[in-house]
Amino acid sequence: MNDLGQPASGLCDRNLPHDARRELFGGSGIVRVWALTAAPALPFTAVLACELEAYGSVGAHAQEQFPELVIGISGSGHVSVNGAATPFGAGSVVELGRGQVLSISNESSDAPLRYLIIKAQD
């Protein structure tokens, strides 16, 4: 984070190449996704920065291939793991094993929810 509480340079920078995914896993709104490394070193399979727009959501989906960590960078919302909701924001860490079901919601009307996703082989 910089002194203004914004993500460090390079994370969630809309001027850098990224994907914009609409209604991801049946959710609502747009999630922007940046791959932070093209070829992660093993055991990692993906290192992603994500930005979920205001009032957006990522629908419930199972972690089928790899366990993952979801780490809050900025904003506020909720995550649900296997149906159990908990607040989620800067500094929050969610650990997901294979088979667990995750959904994410941004409850802000005017600010994105930003987070990292780190996937690894188990």
N, C-alpha and C. Protein backbone atom coordinates (compact mmCIF):
# COMPACT_ATOMS: atom_id res chain seq x y z
N MET A 1 0.84 -1.18 0.00
CA MET A 1 0.00 0.00 0.00
C MET A 1 0.89 1.25 0.00
N ASN A 2 0.41 2.29 -0.67
CA ASN A 2 1.14 3.54 -0.61
C ASN A 2 0.59 4.37 0.54
N ASP A 3 1.07 5.61 0.66
CA ASP A 3 0.65 6.46 1.78
C ASP A 3 -0.82 6.85 1.73
N LEU A 4 -1.46 6.68 0.58
CA LEU A 4 -2.87 7.03 0.43
C LEU A 4 -3.78 5.84 0.66
N GLY A 5 -3.21 4.70 1.05
CA GLY A 5 -4.00 3.50 1.27
C GLY A 5 -4.41 2.81 -0.02
N GLN A 6 -3.73 3.14 -1.12
CA GLN A 6 -4.02 2.53 -2.41
C GLN A 6 -3.03 1.41 -2.66
N PRO A 7 -3.39 0.45 -3.53
CA PRO A 7 -2.47 -0.65 -3.82
C PRO A 7 -1.14 -0.15 -4.36
N ALA A 8 -0.09 -0.91 -4.10
CA ALA A 8 1.23 -0.58 -4.61
C ALA A 8 1.21 -0.50 -6.14
N SER A 9 2.10 0.28 -6.68
CA SER A 9 2.18 0.44 -8.13
C SER A 9 2.25 -0.91 -8.82
N GLY A 10 1.47 -1.07 -9.90
CA GLY A 10 1.47 -2.33 -10.65
C GLY A 10 0.33 -3.25 -10.28
N LEU A 11 -0.17 -3.16 -9.07
CA LEU A 11 -1.32 -3.99 -8.69
C LEU A 11 -2.60 -3.26 -9.09
N CYS A 12 -3.44 -3.94 -9.84
CA CYS A 12 -4.73 -3.39 -10.24
C CYS A 12 -4.61 -2.08 -11.01
N ASP A 13 -3.58 -1.98 -11.84
CA ASP A 13 -3.37 -0.80 -12.68
C ASP A 13 -4.10 -1.02 -14.00
N ARG A 14 -5.16 -0.28 -14.22
CA ARG A 14 -5.98 -0.48 -15.42
C ARG A 14 -5.24 -0.13 -16.71
N ASN A 15 -4.08 0.53 -16.60
CA ASN A 15 -3.27 0.82 -17.79
C ASN A 15 -2.42 -0.38 -18.21
N LEU A 16 -2.33 -1.39 -17.35
CA LEU A 16 -1.59 -2.60 -17.68
C LEU A 16 -2.54 -3.65 -18.25
N PRO A 17 -2.02 -4.59 -19.06
CA PRO A 17 -2.90 -5.63 -19.63
C PRO A 17 -3.59 -6.44 -18.53
N HIS A 18 -4.89 -6.67 -18.72
CA HIS A 18 -5.67 -7.45 -17.77
C HIS A 18 -6.93 -7.96 -18.46
N ASP A 19 -7.59 -8.92 -17.80
CA ASP A 19 -8.87 -9.43 -18.27
C ASP A 19 -9.99 -8.73 -17.51
N ALA A 20 -11.09 -8.47 -18.18
CA ALA A 20 -12.30 -7.97 -17.52
C ALA A 20 -13.35 -9.07 -17.67
N ARG A 21 -13.70 -9.67 -16.55
CA ARG A 21 -14.62 -10.81 -16.55
C ARG A 21 -15.98 -10.37 -16.00
N ARG A 22 -17.01 -10.52 -16.80
CA ARG A 22 -18.36 -10.11 -16.41
C ARG A 22 -19.11 -11.29 -15.78
N GLU A 23 -19.82 -10.96 -14.70
CA GLU A 23 -20.70 -11.94 -14.05
C GLU A 23 -19.97 -13.27 -13.81
N LEU A 24 -18.79 -13.18 -13.23
CA LEU A 24 -17.93 -14.35 -13.00
C LEU A 24 -18.63 -15.38 -12.10
N PHE A 25 -18.70 -16.60 -12.55
CA PHE A 25 -19.33 -17.71 -11.84
C PHE A 25 -20.78 -17.38 -11.45
N GLY A 26 -21.47 -16.62 -12.30
CA GLY A 26 -22.85 -16.28 -12.02
C GLY A 26 -23.03 -15.10 -11.09
N GLY A 27 -21.96 -14.39 -10.79
CA GLY A 27 -22.04 -13.21 -9.94
C GLY A 27 -22.55 -12.01 -10.73
N SER A 28 -22.26 -10.81 -10.23
CA SER A 28 -22.72 -9.59 -10.90
C SER A 28 -21.56 -8.62 -11.05
N GLY A 29 -21.63 -7.80 -12.08
CA GLY A 29 -20.62 -6.78 -12.30
C GLY A 29 -19.37 -7.33 -12.96
N ILE A 30 -18.31 -6.53 -12.88
CA ILE A 30 -17.05 -6.83 -13.55
C ILE A 30 -15.95 -7.08 -12.53
N VAL A 31 -15.16 -8.12 -12.77
CA VAL A 31 -13.95 -8.39 -12.01
C VAL A 31 -12.79 -8.22 -12.98
N ARG A 32 -11.85 -7.35 -12.65
CA ARG A 32 -10.64 -7.19 -13.47
C ARG A 32 -9.56 -8.06 -12.85
N VAL A 33 -8.79 -8.77 -13.71
CA VAL A 33 -7.80 -9.74 -13.23
C VAL A 33 -6.47 -9.51 -13.94
N TRP A 34 -5.42 -9.34 -13.15
CA TRP A 34 -4.06 -9.18 -13.66
C TRP A 34 -3.23 -10.38 -13.23
N ALA A 35 -2.54 -11.02 -14.17
CA ALA A 35 -1.58 -12.08 -13.84
C ALA A 35 -0.29 -11.37 -13.41
N LEU A 36 0.15 -11.60 -12.18
CA LEU A 36 1.33 -10.90 -11.67
C LEU A 36 2.63 -11.56 -12.06
N THR A 37 2.55 -12.79 -12.52
CA THR A 37 3.72 -13.48 -13.05
C THR A 37 3.25 -14.42 -14.16
N ALA A 38 3.98 -14.45 -15.24
CA ALA A 38 3.58 -15.27 -16.39
C ALA A 38 3.77 -16.76 -16.14
N ALA A 39 4.81 -17.10 -15.41
CA ALA A 39 5.12 -18.51 -15.16
C ALA A 39 5.56 -18.66 -13.70
N PRO A 40 4.60 -18.83 -12.80
CA PRO A 40 4.95 -18.96 -11.38
C PRO A 40 5.84 -20.17 -11.12
N ALA A 41 6.75 -20.02 -10.18
CA ALA A 41 7.62 -21.12 -9.78
C ALA A 41 6.80 -22.12 -8.96
N LEU A 42 7.08 -23.40 -9.16
CA LEU A 42 6.40 -24.44 -8.39
C LEU A 42 6.68 -24.27 -6.91
N PRO A 43 5.71 -24.48 -6.06
CA PRO A 43 4.45 -25.17 -6.28
C PRO A 43 3.31 -24.26 -6.74
N PHE A 44 3.57 -22.98 -7.02
CA PHE A 44 2.51 -22.04 -7.36
C PHE A 44 2.05 -22.23 -8.80
N THR A 45 0.75 -22.04 -9.01
CA THR A 45 0.19 -22.19 -10.35
C THR A 45 -0.39 -20.87 -10.87
N ALA A 46 -0.68 -19.93 -9.98
CA ALA A 46 -1.19 -18.62 -10.39
C ALA A 46 -0.99 -17.61 -9.26
N VAL A 47 -0.64 -16.40 -9.65
CA VAL A 47 -0.56 -15.27 -8.72
C VAL A 47 -1.29 -14.12 -9.42
N LEU A 48 -2.47 -13.78 -8.88
CA LEU A 48 -3.36 -12.84 -9.55
C LEU A 48 -3.73 -11.68 -8.65
N ALA A 49 -3.85 -10.48 -9.23
CA ALA A 49 -4.44 -9.33 -8.55
C ALA A 49 -5.83 -9.16 -9.15
N CYS A 50 -6.81 -8.89 -8.29
CA CYS A 50 -8.21 -8.79 -8.75
C CYS A 50 -8.83 -7.52 -8.20
N GLU A 51 -9.75 -6.96 -9.00
CA GLU A 51 -10.50 -5.78 -8.61
C GLU A 51 -11.97 -6.02 -8.93
N LEU A 52 -12.79 -6.10 -7.91
CA LEU A 52 -14.23 -6.33 -8.05
C LEU A 52 -14.93 -4.98 -7.91
N GLU A 53 -15.69 -4.59 -8.94
CA GLU A 53 -16.31 -3.27 -8.93
C GLU A 53 -17.33 -3.12 -7.81
N ALA A 54 -17.67 -1.86 -7.50
CA ALA A 54 -18.62 -1.54 -6.44
C ALA A 54 -19.91 -2.34 -6.64
N TYR A 55 -20.42 -2.88 -5.55
CA TYR A 55 -21.63 -3.71 -5.52
C TYR A 55 -21.53 -4.96 -6.38
N GLY A 56 -20.34 -5.32 -6.83
CA GLY A 56 -20.17 -6.52 -7.65
C GLY A 56 -20.06 -7.77 -6.78
N SER A 57 -20.16 -8.91 -7.44
CA SER A 57 -19.98 -10.18 -6.72
C SER A 57 -19.39 -11.23 -7.65
N VAL A 58 -18.70 -12.18 -7.04
CA VAL A 58 -18.21 -13.37 -7.71
C VAL A 58 -19.06 -14.51 -7.18
N GLY A 59 -19.73 -15.21 -8.07
CA GLY A 59 -20.64 -16.27 -7.66
C GLY A 59 -19.93 -17.46 -7.01
N ALA A 60 -20.69 -18.28 -6.32
CA ALA A 60 -20.16 -19.46 -5.63
C ALA A 60 -19.54 -20.42 -6.64
N HIS A 61 -18.32 -20.86 -6.33
CA HIS A 61 -17.60 -21.80 -7.19
C HIS A 61 -16.65 -22.64 -6.35
N ALA A 62 -16.52 -23.90 -6.71
CA ALA A 62 -15.65 -24.83 -5.98
C ALA A 62 -14.21 -24.70 -6.46
N GLN A 63 -13.29 -24.89 -5.55
CA GLN A 63 -11.86 -24.94 -5.87
C GLN A 63 -11.57 -26.35 -6.34
N GLU A 64 -11.66 -26.56 -7.64
CA GLU A 64 -11.58 -27.91 -8.17
C GLU A 64 -10.17 -28.42 -8.39
N GLN A 65 -9.26 -27.57 -8.85
CA GLN A 65 -7.93 -28.05 -9.20
C GLN A 65 -6.87 -27.78 -8.16
N PHE A 66 -6.88 -26.58 -7.56
CA PHE A 66 -5.79 -26.18 -6.68
C PHE A 66 -6.32 -25.48 -5.43
N PRO A 67 -5.66 -25.69 -4.29
CA PRO A 67 -5.98 -24.87 -3.13
C PRO A 67 -5.53 -23.43 -3.41
N GLU A 68 -6.12 -22.47 -2.71
CA GLU A 68 -5.72 -21.09 -2.94
C GLU A 68 -5.84 -20.26 -1.68
N LEU A 69 -5.11 -19.14 -1.69
CA LEU A 69 -5.22 -18.09 -0.69
C LEU A 69 -5.86 -16.89 -1.36
N VAL A 70 -6.77 -16.22 -0.66
CA VAL A 70 -7.34 -14.96 -1.11
C VAL A 70 -6.96 -13.93 -0.04
N ILE A 71 -6.26 -12.87 -0.45
CA ILE A 71 -5.72 -11.89 0.49
C ILE A 71 -6.27 -10.51 0.15
N GLY A 72 -6.96 -9.88 1.09
CA GLY A 72 -7.53 -8.56 0.87
C GLY A 72 -6.47 -7.48 0.78
N ILE A 73 -6.62 -6.59 -0.21
CA ILE A 73 -5.71 -5.45 -0.39
C ILE A 73 -6.39 -4.16 0.05
N SER A 74 -7.61 -3.92 -0.46
CA SER A 74 -8.34 -2.70 -0.10
C SER A 74 -9.82 -2.90 -0.37
N GLY A 75 -10.63 -2.04 0.23
CA GLY A 75 -12.07 -2.12 0.08
C GLY A 75 -12.69 -2.96 1.18
N SER A 76 -14.00 -3.16 1.08
CA SER A 76 -14.69 -3.96 2.09
C SER A 76 -15.83 -4.74 1.46
N GLY A 77 -16.00 -5.94 1.97
CA GLY A 77 -17.06 -6.80 1.48
C GLY A 77 -17.17 -8.02 2.36
N HIS A 78 -17.63 -9.10 1.76
CA HIS A 78 -17.76 -10.38 2.46
C HIS A 78 -17.28 -11.50 1.56
N VAL A 79 -16.74 -12.54 2.17
CA VAL A 79 -16.49 -13.79 1.47
C VAL A 79 -17.36 -14.84 2.15
N SER A 80 -17.72 -15.81 1.37
CA SER A 80 -18.46 -16.95 1.92
C SER A 80 -17.70 -18.21 1.53
N VAL A 81 -17.38 -19.02 2.52
CA VAL A 81 -16.70 -20.30 2.28
C VAL A 81 -17.64 -21.39 2.76
N ASN A 82 -18.03 -22.24 1.82
CA ASN A 82 -18.97 -23.32 2.12
C ASN A 82 -20.24 -22.80 2.79
N GLY A 83 -20.67 -21.59 2.36
CA GLY A 83 -21.91 -21.01 2.86
C GLY A 83 -21.78 -20.17 4.11
N ALA A 84 -20.60 -20.13 4.73
CA ALA A 84 -20.40 -19.34 5.95
C ALA A 84 -19.77 -17.99 5.58
N ALA A 85 -20.52 -16.90 5.76
CA ALA A 85 -20.05 -15.57 5.37
C ALA A 85 -19.22 -14.95 6.49
N THR A 86 -18.21 -14.16 6.07
CA THR A 86 -17.37 -13.43 7.00
C THR A 86 -16.94 -12.12 6.34
N PRO A 87 -16.74 -11.05 7.12
CA PRO A 87 -16.26 -9.79 6.54
C PRO A 87 -14.90 -9.99 5.88
N PHE A 88 -14.65 -9.20 4.83
CA PHE A 88 -13.41 -9.32 4.07
C PHE A 88 -12.94 -7.93 3.65
N GLY A 89 -11.67 -7.65 3.88
CA GLY A 89 -11.09 -6.36 3.49
C GLY A 89 -9.58 -6.41 3.57
N ALA A 90 -8.95 -5.25 3.59
CA ALA A 90 -7.49 -5.16 3.63
C ALA A 90 -6.93 -5.97 4.80
N GLY A 91 -6.00 -6.86 4.49
CA GLY A 91 -5.37 -7.68 5.51
C GLY A 91 -6.07 -9.01 5.78
N SER A 92 -7.27 -9.20 5.26
CA SER A 92 -7.97 -10.47 5.46
C SER A 92 -7.30 -11.56 4.63
N VAL A 93 -7.25 -12.76 5.19
CA VAL A 93 -6.68 -13.92 4.48
C VAL A 93 -7.68 -15.06 4.58
N VAL A 94 -8.01 -15.63 3.42
CA VAL A 94 -8.92 -16.77 3.36
C VAL A 94 -8.16 -17.94 2.74
N GLU A 95 -8.12 -19.06 3.46
CA GLU A 95 -7.46 -20.27 2.98
C GLU A 95 -8.52 -21.23 2.44
N LEU A 96 -8.32 -21.70 1.22
CA LEU A 96 -9.29 -22.60 0.59
C LEU A 96 -8.62 -23.87 0.11
N GLY A 97 -9.07 -24.99 0.63
CA GLY A 97 -8.60 -26.28 0.14
C GLY A 97 -9.40 -26.70 -1.07
N ARG A 98 -8.90 -27.72 -1.77
CA ARG A 98 -9.66 -28.24 -2.91
C ARG A 98 -11.03 -28.70 -2.44
N GLY A 99 -12.04 -28.41 -3.25
CA GLY A 99 -13.40 -28.81 -2.93
C GLY A 99 -14.20 -27.77 -2.17
N GLN A 100 -13.53 -26.81 -1.54
CA GLN A 100 -14.27 -25.77 -0.82
C GLN A 100 -14.90 -24.80 -1.81
N VAL A 101 -16.04 -24.22 -1.41
CA VAL A 101 -16.81 -23.33 -2.27
C VAL A 101 -16.67 -21.89 -1.77
N LEU A 102 -16.29 -20.99 -2.70
CA LEU A 102 -16.05 -19.58 -2.38
C LEU A 102 -16.99 -18.68 -3.16
N SER A 103 -17.47 -17.62 -2.53
CA SER A 103 -18.11 -16.50 -3.22
C SER A 103 -17.60 -15.22 -2.55
N ILE A 104 -17.61 -14.13 -3.31
CA ILE A 104 -17.09 -12.84 -2.84
C ILE A 104 -18.08 -11.76 -3.20
N SER A 105 -18.32 -10.81 -2.29
CA SER A 105 -19.18 -9.68 -2.60
C SER A 105 -18.54 -8.38 -2.12
N ASN A 106 -18.69 -7.35 -2.94
CA ASN A 106 -18.24 -6.00 -2.60
C ASN A 106 -19.47 -5.23 -2.14
N GLU A 107 -19.44 -4.74 -0.92
CA GLU A 107 -20.61 -4.06 -0.37
C GLU A 107 -20.53 -2.55 -0.48
N SER A 108 -19.46 -2.04 -1.09
CA SER A 108 -19.31 -0.60 -1.25
C SER A 108 -20.10 -0.11 -2.46
N SER A 109 -20.66 1.06 -2.35
CA SER A 109 -21.39 1.66 -3.47
C SER A 109 -20.47 2.47 -4.38
N ASP A 110 -19.23 2.73 -3.93
CA ASP A 110 -18.38 3.61 -4.73
C ASP A 110 -16.90 3.22 -4.81
N ALA A 111 -16.51 2.11 -4.21
CA ALA A 111 -15.10 1.73 -4.22
C ALA A 111 -14.94 0.26 -4.59
N PRO A 112 -13.91 -0.07 -5.36
CA PRO A 112 -13.68 -1.48 -5.69
C PRO A 112 -13.16 -2.25 -4.48
N LEU A 113 -13.32 -3.55 -4.53
CA LEU A 113 -12.72 -4.48 -3.57
C LEU A 113 -11.54 -5.11 -4.30
N ARG A 114 -10.34 -4.94 -3.74
CA ARG A 114 -9.12 -5.45 -4.39
C ARG A 114 -8.53 -6.55 -3.52
N TYR A 115 -8.05 -7.60 -4.21
CA TYR A 115 -7.51 -8.75 -3.49
C TYR A 115 -6.55 -9.52 -4.38
N LEU A 116 -5.72 -10.32 -3.74
CA LEU A 116 -4.80 -11.22 -4.43
C LEU A 116 -5.35 -12.64 -4.35
N ILE A 117 -5.08 -13.42 -5.38
CA ILE A 117 -5.36 -14.86 -5.36
C ILE A 117 -4.05 -15.57 -5.66
N ILE A 118 -3.66 -16.48 -4.77
CA ILE A 118 -2.45 -17.28 -4.98
C ILE A 118 -2.87 -18.74 -4.95
N LYS A 119 -2.64 -19.42 -6.07
CA LYS A 119 -2.98 -20.83 -6.20
C LYS A 119 -1.69 -21.65 -6.19
N ALA A 120 -1.78 -22.84 -5.59
CA ALA A 120 -0.62 -23.72 -5.52
C ALA A 120 -1.04 -25.17 -5.62
N GLN A 121 -0.12 -26.00 -6.06
CA GLN A 121 -0.36 -27.44 -6.08
C GLN A 121 -0.36 -27.94 -4.65
N ASP A 122 -1.15 -28.98 -4.40
CA ASP A 122 -1.10 -29.55 -3.04
C ASP A 122 -0.41 -30.89 -3.06
